[in-house]
């Protein structure tokens, strides 16, 4: 499989289905176009998968960071983020043999663990983690800048990661505060300041990939000027935190699935992307742990206002794109 197939992976994961919820509509394709232009006009999932394959070898550690939402609206986070992060973790484990380390704040960790277990990864103890595949470990990042800086030092000392992937993880705006898409401010003292991981990664030459769908997530600093024009609350909302590679997508989970699909194609193994059964099980576990749909703000099997069958259809189509790209059919006419 080559970059051509990733063109269609990118197109699929950028189909906007946002309901009229007060959130901006008609912006997904604009953000994707800006991200594409800023990255040498290459398919975004191809860039991410290719970079991960180059950066990682069997046994290397990868930090997978997720978790969005705060009380009282989303007290245990939302369904968008943990599932995409779990898909990336699984793909890196199966495809490369890398060792994923899941990172989120305490309030969101239940849905993160539910998602990784739903997709088939076990939470290992410290002794077993280095010994086998199919496992991950989880680390809770404390809130606030000072505690966050201490955590960053400790996590790099413990794992020496070769890459960090952020899925639906908020980054600060120009004011230093974090913001919702409607411009609601959140103080850094109430947030896991995961952008500090990016700053340390840049010092060490560690690959960083950001996946988001709004412009306020880590990674969108790469196109902040465009976000200020595209999003209605862009000057306030747009994060300043830039990653090496940015994947802009309609739903952040789908960006994670797009990375998994691109890895599956480039590695020649369709099973690197999870199955529809995995997807349904993962969604069940995620909401059972308290994650809410980020638009409906209810504990229901939806992701950013899109239903369970849509999630299954997304996986079906991604797997079909990858599988067909790896087949050769000879026609005689």
C-alpha atoms as a PDB file:
ATOM      1  CA  UNK A   1       0.000   0.000   0.000  1.00  0.00           C
ATOM      2  CA  UNK A   2       1.172   3.512  -0.781  1.00  0.00           C
ATOM      3  CA  UNK A   3       0.101   7.062  -0.006  1.00  0.00           C
ATOM      4  CA  UNK A   4      -2.715   6.864  -2.571  1.00  0.00           C
ATOM      5  CA  UNK A   5      -4.768   4.576  -0.345  1.00  0.00           C
ATOM      6  CA  UNK A   6      -4.305   6.963   2.574  1.00  0.00           C
ATOM      7  CA  UNK A   7      -5.982   9.677   0.492  1.00  0.00           C
ATOM      8  CA  UNK A   8      -9.215   7.746   0.875  1.00  0.00           C
ATOM      9  CA  UNK A   9      -8.633   6.913   4.530  1.00  0.00           C
ATOM     10  CA  UNK A  10      -8.269  10.661   5.106  1.00  0.00           C
ATOM     11  CA  UNK A  11     -11.435  11.431   3.153  1.00  0.00           C
ATOM     12  CA  UNK A  12     -13.474   8.877   5.063  1.00  0.00           C
ATOM     13  CA  UNK A  13     -12.457  10.081   8.510  1.00  0.00           C
ATOM     14  CA  UNK A  14     -13.223  13.681   7.547  1.00  0.00           C
ATOM     15  CA  UNK A  15     -16.905  13.222   6.731  1.00  0.00           C
ATOM     16  CA  UNK A  16     -18.637  15.688   9.033  1.00  0.00           C
ATOM     17  CA  UNK A  17     -21.848  14.423  10.649  1.00  0.00           C
ATOM     18  CA  UNK A  18     -22.161  16.987  13.432  1.00  0.00           C
ATOM     19  CA  UNK A  19     -25.745  17.702  14.524  1.00  0.00           C
ATOM     20  CA  UNK A  20     -27.063  21.217  14.949  1.00  0.00           C
ATOM     21  CA  UNK A  21     -25.957  21.442  18.570  1.00  0.00           C
ATOM     22  CA  UNK A  22     -24.686  24.988  18.700  1.00  0.00           C
ATOM     23  CA  UNK A  23     -21.196  23.811  17.816  1.00  0.00           C
ATOM     24  CA  UNK A  24     -19.738  25.076  14.519  1.00  0.00           C
ATOM     25  CA  UNK A  25     -20.628  23.102  11.403  1.00  0.00           C
ATOM     26  CA  UNK A  26     -19.005  23.065   7.992  1.00  0.00           C
ATOM     27  CA  UNK A  27     -15.509  23.503   9.386  1.00  0.00           C
ATOM     28  CA  UNK A  28     -14.075  19.978   9.181  1.00  0.00           C
ATOM     29  CA  UNK A  29     -13.020  20.182   5.547  1.00  0.00           C
ATOM     30  CA  UNK A  30     -11.520  23.631   6.092  1.00  0.00           C
ATOM     31  CA  UNK A  31      -9.369  22.476   9.002  1.00  0.00           C
ATOM     32  CA  UNK A  32      -8.274  19.397   7.066  1.00  0.00           C
ATOM     33  CA  UNK A  33      -7.296  21.509   4.066  1.00  0.00           C
ATOM     34  CA  UNK A  34      -5.226  23.818   6.281  1.00  0.00           C
ATOM     35  CA  UNK A  35      -3.506  20.858   7.953  1.00  0.00           C
ATOM     36  CA  UNK A  36      -2.835  19.286   4.582  1.00  0.00           C
ATOM     37  CA  UNK A  37      -1.344  22.488   3.173  1.00  0.00           C
ATOM     38  CA  UNK A  38       0.904  22.887   6.220  1.00  0.00           C
ATOM     39  CA  UNK A  39       2.273  19.343   5.789  1.00  0.00           C
ATOM     40  CA  UNK A  40       3.510  19.265   2.195  1.00  0.00           C
ATOM     41  CA  UNK A  41       0.081  18.311   0.833  1.00  0.00           C
ATOM     42  CA  UNK A  42       0.508  14.688   1.917  1.00  0.00           C
ATOM     43  CA  UNK A  43      -2.273  12.446   3.293  1.00  0.00           C
ATOM     44  CA  UNK A  44      -2.186  13.002   7.032  1.00  0.00           C
ATOM     45  CA  UNK A  45      -2.659   9.374   8.041  1.00  0.00           C
ATOM     46  CA  UNK A  46       0.173   8.376   5.715  1.00  0.00           C
ATOM     47  CA  UNK A  47       2.502  10.903   7.342  1.00  0.00           C
ATOM     48  CA  UNK A  48       1.670   9.637  10.821  1.00  0.00           C
ATOM     49  CA  UNK A  49       1.935   5.926  10.019  1.00  0.00           C
ATOM     50  CA  UNK A  50       5.144   6.325   8.054  1.00  0.00           C
ATOM     51  CA  UNK A  51       6.737   8.359  10.855  1.00  0.00           C
ATOM     52  CA  UNK A  52       5.732   5.811  13.504  1.00  0.00           C
ATOM     53  CA  UNK A  53       7.167   2.942  11.472  1.00  0.00           C
ATOM     54  CA  UNK A  54      10.449   4.822  11.057  1.00  0.00           C
ATOM     55  CA  UNK A  55      10.663   5.911  14.697  1.00  0.00           C
ATOM     56  CA  UNK A  56       9.728   2.660  16.436  1.00  0.00           C
ATOM     57  CA  UNK A  57      11.148  -0.802  16.838  1.00  0.00           C
ATOM     58  CA  UNK A  58       9.916  -3.782  18.791  1.00  0.00           C
ATOM     59  CA  UNK A  59       9.995  -3.059  22.527  1.00  0.00           C
ATOM     60  CA  UNK A  60      10.091   0.738  22.201  1.00  0.00           C
ATOM     61  CA  UNK A  61       7.756   2.692  24.463  1.00  0.00           C
ATOM     62  CA  UNK A  62       5.044   4.971  23.086  1.00  0.00           C
ATOM     63  CA  UNK A  63       3.004   7.344  25.216  1.00  0.00           C
ATOM     64  CA  UNK A  64      -0.653   7.471  24.132  1.00  0.00           C
ATOM     65  CA  UNK A  65      -2.345  10.472  25.724  1.00  0.00           C
ATOM     66  CA  UNK A  66      -6.070  11.190  25.821  1.00  0.00           C
ATOM     67  CA  UNK A  67      -8.938  12.418  27.976  1.00  0.00           C
ATOM     68  CA  UNK A  68     -11.219  15.409  27.424  1.00  0.00           C
ATOM     69  CA  UNK A  69     -13.963  16.881  29.556  1.00  0.00           C
ATOM     70  CA  UNK A  70     -14.386  18.321  33.027  1.00  0.00           C
ATOM     71  CA  UNK A  71     -17.098  18.428  35.673  1.00  0.00           C
ATOM     72  CA  UNK A  72     -19.931  19.226  35.764  1.00  0.00           C
ATOM     73  CA  UNK A  73     -20.496  18.641  32.054  1.00  0.00           C
ATOM     74  CA  UNK A  74     -18.353  15.561  31.427  1.00  0.00           C
ATOM     75  CA  UNK A  75     -17.168  14.415  34.869  1.00  0.00           C
ATOM     76  CA  UNK A  76     -15.548  11.196  33.589  1.00  0.00           C
ATOM     77  CA  UNK A  77     -14.729  12.433  30.128  1.00  0.00           C
ATOM     78  CA  UNK A  78     -16.259  11.625  26.773  1.00  0.00           C
ATOM     79  CA  UNK A  79     -16.412   8.697  24.400  1.00  0.00           C
ATOM     80  CA  UNK A  80     -14.352  10.583  21.840  1.00  0.00           C
ATOM     81  CA  UNK A  81     -10.674  10.161  22.636  1.00  0.00           C
ATOM     82  CA  UNK A  82     -10.229   7.013  24.745  1.00  0.00           C
ATOM     83  CA  UNK A  83     -11.377   4.715  21.941  1.00  0.00           C
ATOM     84  CA  UNK A  84      -9.164   6.302  19.302  1.00  0.00           C
ATOM     85  CA  UNK A  85      -6.239   6.137  21.715  1.00  0.00           C
ATOM     86  CA  UNK A  86      -6.933   2.458  22.395  1.00  0.00           C
ATOM     87  CA  UNK A  87      -7.006   1.752  18.639  1.00  0.00           C
ATOM     88  CA  UNK A  88      -3.599   3.390  18.215  1.00  0.00           C
ATOM     89  CA  UNK A  89      -2.186   1.450  21.175  1.00  0.00           C
ATOM     90  CA  UNK A  90      -3.462  -1.849  19.788  1.00  0.00           C
ATOM     91  CA  UNK A  91      -2.171  -1.097  16.280  1.00  0.00           C
ATOM     92  CA  UNK A  92       1.314  -0.275  17.549  1.00  0.00           C
ATOM     93  CA  UNK A  93       1.367  -3.401  19.713  1.00  0.00           C
ATOM     94  CA  UNK A  94       0.238  -5.771  16.940  1.00  0.00           C
ATOM     95  CA  UNK A  95       1.895  -4.050  13.993  1.00  0.00           C
ATOM     96  CA  UNK A  96       5.284  -3.084  15.401  1.00  0.00           C
ATOM     97  CA  UNK A  97       5.581  -4.737  18.795  1.00  0.00           C
ATOM     98  CA  UNK A  98       5.885  -1.343  20.493  1.00  0.00           C
ATOM     99  CA  UNK A  99       4.872  -0.934  24.132  1.00  0.00           C
ATOM    100  CA  UNK A 100       1.990   1.543  24.613  1.00  0.00           C
ATOM    101  CA  UNK A 101       1.699   3.520  27.850  1.00  0.00           C
ATOM    102  CA  UNK A 102      -1.751   5.075  28.354  1.00  0.00           C
ATOM    103  CA  UNK A 103      -1.812   8.510  29.987  1.00  0.00           C
ATOM    104  CA  UNK A 104      -4.827  10.472  31.210  1.00  0.00           C
ATOM    105  CA  UNK A 105      -5.999  12.299  34.306  1.00  0.00           C
ATOM    106  CA  UNK A 106      -7.616  10.371  37.150  1.00  0.00           C
ATOM    107  CA  UNK A 107     -11.181  11.409  36.310  1.00  0.00           C
ATOM    108  CA  UNK A 108     -10.903  10.030  32.754  1.00  0.00           C
ATOM    109  CA  UNK A 109      -8.863   6.913  33.409  1.00  0.00           C
ATOM    110  CA  UNK A 110     -11.853   4.573  33.855  1.00  0.00           C
ATOM    111  CA  UNK A 111     -13.058   5.016  30.252  1.00  0.00           C
ATOM    112  CA  UNK A 112      -9.467   4.795  28.986  1.00  0.00           C
ATOM    113  CA  UNK A 113      -8.923   1.454  30.703  1.00  0.00           C
ATOM    114  CA  UNK A 114     -12.367   0.274  29.610  1.00  0.00           C
ATOM    115  CA  UNK A 115     -11.500   1.101  26.007  1.00  0.00           C
ATOM    116  CA  UNK A 116      -8.134  -0.671  25.950  1.00  0.00           C
ATOM    117  CA  UNK A 117      -9.611  -3.759  27.590  1.00  0.00           C
ATOM    118  CA  UNK A 118     -12.561  -3.662  25.206  1.00  0.00           C
ATOM    119  CA  UNK A 119     -10.241  -3.656  22.219  1.00  0.00           C
ATOM    120  CA  UNK A 120      -8.238  -6.595  23.569  1.00  0.00           C
ATOM    121  CA  UNK A 121      -5.306  -5.132  25.487  1.00  0.00           C
ATOM    122  CA  UNK A 122      -4.781  -6.152  29.115  1.00  0.00           C
ATOM    123  CA  UNK A 123      -3.600  -3.780  31.811  1.00  0.00           C
ATOM    124  CA  UNK A 124      -0.341  -5.375  32.947  1.00  0.00           C
ATOM    125  CA  UNK A 125       1.511  -5.095  36.217  1.00  0.00           C
ATOM    126  CA  UNK A 126       5.002  -3.655  36.226  1.00  0.00           C
ATOM    127  CA  UNK A 127       6.727  -7.035  36.150  1.00  0.00           C
ATOM    128  CA  UNK A 128       4.777  -8.448  33.190  1.00  0.00           C
ATOM    129  CA  UNK A 129       4.668  -5.360  30.961  1.00  0.00           C
ATOM    130  CA  UNK A 130       8.146  -5.848  29.431  1.00  0.00           C
ATOM    131  CA  UNK A 131       7.727  -9.590  28.976  1.00  0.00           C
ATOM    132  CA  UNK A 132       4.883  -9.954  26.524  1.00  0.00           C
ATOM    133  CA  UNK A 133       2.687  -8.287  23.917  1.00  0.00           C
ATOM    134  CA  UNK A 134      -1.009  -7.562  24.098  1.00  0.00           C
ATOM    135  CA  UNK A 135      -0.631  -5.446  27.226  1.00  0.00           C
ATOM    136  CA  UNK A 136      -0.319  -1.845  28.286  1.00  0.00           C
ATOM    137  CA  UNK A 137       0.190   0.103  31.486  1.00  0.00           C
ATOM    138  CA  UNK A 138      -1.638   3.243  32.589  1.00  0.00           C
ATOM    139  CA  UNK A 139      -0.302   6.351  34.277  1.00  0.00           C
ATOM    140  CA  UNK A 140      -2.445   9.110  35.784  1.00  0.00           C
ATOM    141  CA  UNK A 141      -1.214  12.612  35.021  1.00  0.00           C
ATOM    142  CA  UNK A 142      -1.876  15.079  37.850  1.00  0.00           C
ATOM    143  CA  UNK A 143      -3.615  18.407  37.313  1.00  0.00           C
ATOM    144  CA  UNK A 144      -1.805  21.710  37.066  1.00  0.00           C
ATOM    145  CA  UNK A 145       1.457  22.995  35.646  1.00  0.00           C
ATOM    146  CA  UNK A 146       3.758  22.340  38.584  1.00  0.00           C
ATOM    147  CA  UNK A 147       2.618  18.784  39.248  1.00  0.00           C
ATOM    148  CA  UNK A 148       2.520  18.183  35.513  1.00  0.00           C
ATOM    149  CA  UNK A 149       6.161  19.184  35.092  1.00  0.00           C
ATOM    150  CA  UNK A 150       7.193  16.732  37.810  1.00  0.00           C
ATOM    151  CA  UNK A 151       5.154  13.998  36.117  1.00  0.00           C
ATOM    152  CA  UNK A 152       6.803  14.678  32.745  1.00  0.00           C
ATOM    153  CA  UNK A 153      10.273  14.290  34.237  1.00  0.00           C
ATOM    154  CA  UNK A 154       9.249  11.019  35.876  1.00  0.00           C
ATOM    155  CA  UNK A 155       7.530   9.505  32.821  1.00  0.00           C
ATOM    156  CA  UNK A 156      10.495  10.225  30.539  1.00  0.00           C
ATOM    157  CA  UNK A 157      12.866   8.784  33.123  1.00  0.00           C
ATOM    158  CA  UNK A 158      10.746   5.636  33.474  1.00  0.00           C
ATOM    159  CA  UNK A 159      10.000   4.872  29.825  1.00  0.00           C
ATOM    160  CA  UNK A 160      12.291   6.925  27.525  1.00  0.00           C
ATOM    161  CA  UNK A 161       9.510   7.046  24.915  1.00  0.00           C
ATOM    162  CA  UNK A 162      10.355   7.125  21.218  1.00  0.00           C
ATOM    163  CA  UNK A 163       6.995   8.643  20.226  1.00  0.00           C
ATOM    164  CA  UNK A 164       3.955  10.320  21.780  1.00  0.00           C
ATOM    165  CA  UNK A 165       0.467  10.251  20.247  1.00  0.00           C
ATOM    166  CA  UNK A 166      -2.216  12.632  21.545  1.00  0.00           C
ATOM    167  CA  UNK A 167      -5.868  11.848  20.734  1.00  0.00           C
ATOM    168  CA  UNK A 168      -8.477  14.477  21.665  1.00  0.00           C
ATOM    169  CA  UNK A 169      -6.240  16.072  24.282  1.00  0.00           C
ATOM    170  CA  UNK A 170      -6.700  19.773  24.920  1.00  0.00           C
ATOM    171  CA  UNK A 171      -3.861  22.241  24.613  1.00  0.00           C
ATOM    172  CA  UNK A 172      -3.634  25.784  25.979  1.00  0.00           C
ATOM    173  CA  UNK A 173      -4.562  28.840  23.971  1.00  0.00           C
ATOM    174  CA  UNK A 174      -2.509  31.987  23.677  1.00  0.00           C
ATOM    175  CA  UNK A 175      -3.776  33.146  27.104  1.00  0.00           C
ATOM    176  CA  UNK A 176      -2.462  30.004  28.788  1.00  0.00           C
ATOM    177  CA  UNK A 177      -5.996  28.811  29.541  1.00  0.00           C
ATOM    178  CA  UNK A 178      -7.662  25.807  27.937  1.00  0.00           C
ATOM    179  CA  UNK A 179     -10.962  26.331  26.095  1.00  0.00           C
ATOM    180  CA  UNK A 180     -13.982  24.433  24.842  1.00  0.00           C
ATOM    181  CA  UNK A 181     -15.014  24.946  21.226  1.00  0.00           C
ATOM    182  CA  UNK A 182     -17.524  27.546  22.384  1.00  0.00           C
ATOM    183  CA  UNK A 183     -14.792  29.464  24.164  1.00  0.00           C
ATOM    184  CA  UNK A 184     -15.457  28.366  27.742  1.00  0.00           C
ATOM    185  CA  UNK A 185     -12.198  28.856  29.654  1.00  0.00           C
ATOM    186  CA  UNK A 186     -10.634  26.190  31.857  1.00  0.00           C
ATOM    187  CA  UNK A 187      -7.824  27.022  34.241  1.00  0.00           C
ATOM    188  CA  UNK A 188      -4.611  24.974  33.894  1.00  0.00           C
ATOM    189  CA  UNK A 189      -4.957  24.032  37.573  1.00  0.00           C
ATOM    190  CA  UNK A 190      -8.039  21.998  36.587  1.00  0.00           C
ATOM    191  CA  UNK A 191      -6.382  20.264  33.631  1.00  0.00           C
ATOM    192  CA  UNK A 192      -3.725  17.663  32.942  1.00  0.00           C
ATOM    193  CA  UNK A 193      -1.184  19.902  31.184  1.00  0.00           C
ATOM    194  CA  UNK A 194      -0.162  17.335  28.588  1.00  0.00           C
ATOM    195  CA  UNK A 195       1.371  20.026  26.388  1.00  0.00           C
ATOM    196  CA  UNK A 196       4.348  19.809  28.748  1.00  0.00           C
ATOM    197  CA  UNK A 197       5.021  16.367  27.252  1.00  0.00           C
ATOM    198  CA  UNK A 198       5.340  17.994  23.826  1.00  0.00           C
ATOM    199  CA  UNK A 199       7.833  20.534  25.119  1.00  0.00           C
ATOM    200  CA  UNK A 200      10.023  17.796  26.618  1.00  0.00           C
ATOM    201  CA  UNK A 201       9.689  15.632  23.504  1.00  0.00           C
ATOM    202  CA  UNK A 202      10.962  18.478  21.328  1.00  0.00           C
ATOM    203  CA  UNK A 203      14.047  18.836  23.527  1.00  0.00           C
ATOM    204  CA  UNK A 204      14.780  15.129  23.127  1.00  0.00           C
ATOM    205  CA  UNK A 205      13.912  14.724  19.442  1.00  0.00           C
ATOM    206  CA  UNK A 206      10.955  12.448  20.221  1.00  0.00           C
ATOM    207  CA  UNK A 207       8.232  12.125  17.551  1.00  0.00           C
ATOM    208  CA  UNK A 208       4.908  13.773  18.450  1.00  0.00           C
ATOM    209  CA  UNK A 209       1.560  13.271  16.682  1.00  0.00           C
ATOM    210  CA  UNK A 210      -1.617  15.182  17.529  1.00  0.00           C
ATOM    211  CA  UNK A 211      -5.122  14.049  16.580  1.00  0.00           C
ATOM    212  CA  UNK A 212      -8.081  16.394  16.974  1.00  0.00           C
ATOM    213  CA  UNK A 213     -11.328  17.647  15.515  1.00  0.00           C
ATOM    214  CA  UNK A 214     -11.796  21.199  16.757  1.00  0.00           C
ATOM    215  CA  UNK A 215      -8.611  23.226  16.853  1.00  0.00           C
ATOM    216  CA  UNK A 216      -8.283  23.311  20.642  1.00  0.00           C
ATOM    217  CA  UNK A 217      -6.478  19.965  20.843  1.00  0.00           C
ATOM    218  CA  UNK A 218      -2.737  19.410  21.112  1.00  0.00           C
ATOM    219  CA  UNK A 219      -1.251  19.536  17.625  1.00  0.00           C
ATOM    220  CA  UNK A 220      -3.318  22.345  16.134  1.00  0.00           C
ATOM    221  CA  UNK A 221      -0.648  24.903  16.994  1.00  0.00           C
ATOM    222  CA  UNK A 222       0.728  23.892  13.597  1.00  0.00           C
ATOM    223  CA  UNK A 223      -2.186  25.733  11.934  1.00  0.00           C
ATOM    224  CA  UNK A 224      -3.231  28.153  14.673  1.00  0.00           C
ATOM    225  CA  UNK A 225      -3.513  31.106  12.285  1.00  0.00           C
ATOM    226  CA  UNK A 226      -5.979  29.140  10.167  1.00  0.00           C
ATOM    227  CA  UNK A 227      -7.984  28.041  13.225  1.00  0.00           C
ATOM    228  CA  UNK A 228      -8.428  31.663  14.312  1.00  0.00           C
ATOM    229  CA  UNK A 229     -10.184  32.282  10.994  1.00  0.00           C
ATOM    230  CA  UNK A 230     -12.067  28.988  10.588  1.00  0.00           C
ATOM    231  CA  UNK A 231     -13.542  28.513  14.065  1.00  0.00           C
ATOM    232  CA  UNK A 232     -16.058  31.107  15.315  1.00  0.00           C
ATOM    233  CA  UNK A 233     -14.181  31.351  18.632  1.00  0.00           C
ATOM    234  CA  UNK A 234     -10.852  30.589  17.000  1.00  0.00           C
ATOM    235  CA  UNK A 235      -8.679  33.391  18.428  1.00  0.00           C
ATOM    236  CA  UNK A 236      -9.491  32.154  21.926  1.00  0.00           C
ATOM    237  CA  UNK A 237      -9.921  28.443  21.209  1.00  0.00           C
ATOM    238  CA  UNK A 238      -6.933  27.690  18.981  1.00  0.00           C
ATOM    239  CA  UNK A 239      -4.117  25.991  20.862  1.00  0.00           C
ATOM    240  CA  UNK A 240      -0.524  27.141  20.578  1.00  0.00           C
ATOM    241  CA  UNK A 241       0.835  23.597  21.035  1.00  0.00           C
ATOM    242  CA  UNK A 242       2.268  22.179  17.810  1.00  0.00           C
ATOM    243  CA  UNK A 243       3.199  18.550  17.170  1.00  0.00           C
ATOM    244  CA  UNK A 244       5.460  17.149  14.468  1.00  0.00           C
ATOM    245  CA  UNK A 245       2.424  15.745  12.672  1.00  0.00           C
ATOM    246  CA  UNK A 246      -1.196  16.894  12.941  1.00  0.00           C
ATOM    247  CA  UNK A 247      -4.174  14.767  11.948  1.00  0.00           C
ATOM    248  CA  UNK A 248      -7.313  16.869  11.615  1.00  0.00           C
ATOM    249  CA  UNK A 249     -10.462  14.766  11.433  1.00  0.00           C
ATOM    250  CA  UNK A 250     -14.231  14.921  11.869  1.00  0.00           C
ATOM    251  CA  UNK A 251     -14.163  12.883  15.102  1.00  0.00           C
ATOM    252  CA  UNK A 252     -10.934  12.362  17.004  1.00  0.00           C
ATOM    253  CA  UNK A 253     -11.549   8.626  17.480  1.00  0.00           C
ATOM    254  CA  UNK A 254     -11.726   8.301  13.714  1.00  0.00           C
ATOM    255  CA  UNK A 255      -8.319   9.956  13.447  1.00  0.00           C
ATOM    256  CA  UNK A 256      -6.930   7.226  15.700  1.00  0.00           C
ATOM    257  CA  UNK A 257      -8.647   4.619  13.556  1.00  0.00           C
ATOM    258  CA  UNK A 258      -7.157   6.265  10.462  1.00  0.00           C
ATOM    259  CA  UNK A 259      -3.660   5.900  11.904  1.00  0.00           C
ATOM    260  CA  UNK A 260      -4.369   2.224  12.626  1.00  0.00           C
ATOM    261  CA  UNK A 261      -5.681   1.702   9.084  1.00  0.00           C
ATOM    262  CA  UNK A 262      -2.654   3.384   7.523  1.00  0.00           C
ATOM    263  CA  UNK A 263      -0.342   1.276   9.676  1.00  0.00           C
ATOM    264  CA  UNK A 264      -2.268  -1.842   8.626  1.00  0.00           C
ATOM    265  CA  UNK A 265      -1.780  -0.999   4.973  1.00  0.00           C
ATOM    266  CA  UNK A 266       1.863   0.009   5.168  1.00  0.00           C
ATOM    267  CA  UNK A 267       2.710  -3.063   7.247  1.00  0.00           C
ATOM    268  CA  UNK A 268       0.659  -5.361   4.995  1.00  0.00           C
ATOM    269  CA  UNK A 269      -1.450  -6.694   7.874  1.00  0.00           C
ATOM    270  CA  UNK A 270      -5.178  -5.826   7.856  1.00  0.00           C
ATOM    271  CA  UNK A 271      -5.584  -7.130  11.420  1.00  0.00           C
ATOM    272  CA  UNK A 272      -3.614  -4.148  12.702  1.00  0.00           C
ATOM    273  CA  UNK A 273      -6.928  -2.272  12.555  1.00  0.00           C
ATOM    274  CA  UNK A 274      -9.515  -3.646  14.963  1.00  0.00           C
ATOM    275  CA  UNK A 275     -12.783  -5.359  14.029  1.00  0.00           C
ATOM    276  CA  UNK A 276     -16.365  -4.170  14.248  1.00  0.00           C
ATOM    277  CA  UNK A 277     -16.911  -6.518  17.200  1.00  0.00           C
ATOM    278  CA  UNK A 278     -13.926  -4.899  18.912  1.00  0.00           C
ATOM    279  CA  UNK A 279     -15.441  -1.486  18.245  1.00  0.00           C
ATOM    280  CA  UNK A 280     -18.797  -2.354  19.793  1.00  0.00           C
ATOM    281  CA  UNK A 281     -17.203  -4.007  22.802  1.00  0.00           C
ATOM    282  CA  UNK A 282     -14.909  -1.031  23.280  1.00  0.00           C
ATOM    283  CA  UNK A 283     -17.790   1.450  23.164  1.00  0.00           C
ATOM    284  CA  UNK A 284     -19.762  -0.623  25.680  1.00  0.00           C
ATOM    285  CA  UNK A 285     -16.809  -0.701  28.086  1.00  0.00           C
ATOM    286  CA  UNK A 286     -16.102   2.991  27.635  1.00  0.00           C
ATOM    287  CA  UNK A 287     -19.608   4.129  28.537  1.00  0.00           C
ATOM    288  CA  UNK A 288     -19.901   1.530  31.319  1.00  0.00           C
ATOM    289  CA  UNK A 289     -16.955   3.341  32.924  1.00  0.00           C
ATOM    290  CA  UNK A 290     -18.891   6.615  32.807  1.00  0.00           C
ATOM    291  CA  UNK A 291     -17.834   8.295  29.562  1.00  0.00           C
ATOM    292  CA  UNK A 292     -20.508  10.470  27.971  1.00  0.00           C
ATOM    293  CA  UNK A 293     -21.234  11.498  24.426  1.00  0.00           C
ATOM    294  CA  UNK A 294     -19.534  14.890  24.141  1.00  0.00           C
ATOM    295  CA  UNK A 295     -22.473  16.545  22.369  1.00  0.00           C
ATOM    296  CA  UNK A 296     -25.441  14.877  24.083  1.00  0.00           C
ATOM    297  CA  UNK A 297     -23.712  14.896  27.481  1.00  0.00           C
ATOM    298  CA  UNK A 298     -25.372  11.601  28.382  1.00  0.00           C
ATOM    299  CA  UNK A 299     -24.029   8.124  29.060  1.00  0.00           C
ATOM    300  CA  UNK A 300     -25.269   6.704  25.751  1.00  0.00           C
ATOM    301  CA  UNK A 301     -23.537   4.720  22.979  1.00  0.00           C
ATOM    302  CA  UNK A 302     -22.800   7.716  20.767  1.00  0.00           C
ATOM    303  CA  UNK A 303     -19.566   9.463  19.803  1.00  0.00           C
ATOM    304  CA  UNK A 304     -19.758  13.197  19.061  1.00  0.00           C
ATOM    305  CA  UNK A 305     -23.416  12.812  18.180  1.00  0.00           C
ATOM    306  CA  UNK A 306     -22.897   9.835  15.848  1.00  0.00           C
ATOM    307  CA  UNK A 307     -24.529   6.495  16.583  1.00  0.00           C
ATOM    308  CA  UNK A 308     -23.154   3.040  17.273  1.00  0.00           C
ATOM    309  CA  UNK A 309     -23.882   1.770  13.723  1.00  0.00           C
ATOM    310  CA  UNK A 310     -21.849   4.668  12.321  1.00  0.00           C
ATOM    311  CA  UNK A 311     -18.836   3.590  14.372  1.00  0.00           C
ATOM    312  CA  UNK A 312     -19.194   0.050  13.049  1.00  0.00           C
ATOM    313  CA  UNK A 313     -19.571   1.298   9.485  1.00  0.00           C
ATOM    314  CA  UNK A 314     -16.425   3.392   9.848  1.00  0.00           C
ATOM    315  CA  UNK A 315     -14.407   0.315  10.839  1.00  0.00           C
ATOM    316  CA  UNK A 316     -15.989  -1.779   8.077  1.00  0.00           C
ATOM    317  CA  UNK A 317     -15.056   0.750   5.413  1.00  0.00           C
ATOM    318  CA  UNK A 318     -11.535   1.348   6.736  1.00  0.00           C
ATOM    319  CA  UNK A 319     -10.866  -2.392   6.778  1.00  0.00           C
ATOM    320  CA  UNK A 320     -12.250  -2.700   3.240  1.00  0.00           C
ATOM    321  CA  UNK A 321     -10.041   0.133   1.986  1.00  0.00           C
ATOM    322  CA  UNK A 322      -6.963  -1.500   3.486  1.00  0.00           C
ATOM    323  CA  UNK A 323      -7.797  -5.081   2.509  1.00  0.00           C
ATOM    324  CA  UNK A 324      -8.535  -4.187  -1.100  1.00  0.00           C
ATOM    325  CA  UNK A 325      -5.350  -2.115  -1.334  1.00  0.00           C
ATOM    326  CA  UNK A 326      -3.379  -5.251  -0.491  1.00  0.00           C
ATOM    327  CA  UNK A 327      -5.164  -7.503  -3.022  1.00  0.00           C
ATOM    328  CA  UNK A 328      -4.267  -8.045  -6.645  1.00  0.00           C
ATOM    329  CA  UNK A 329      -7.046  -9.065  -9.029  1.00  0.00           C
ATOM    330  CA  UNK A 330      -6.066  -9.786 -12.625  1.00  0.00           C
ATOM    331  CA  UNK A 331      -8.583  -8.900 -15.291  1.00  0.00           C
ATOM    332  CA  UNK A 332      -8.234 -10.210 -18.812  1.00  0.00           C
ATOM    333  CA  UNK A 333     -10.254  -7.495 -20.507  1.00  0.00           C
END
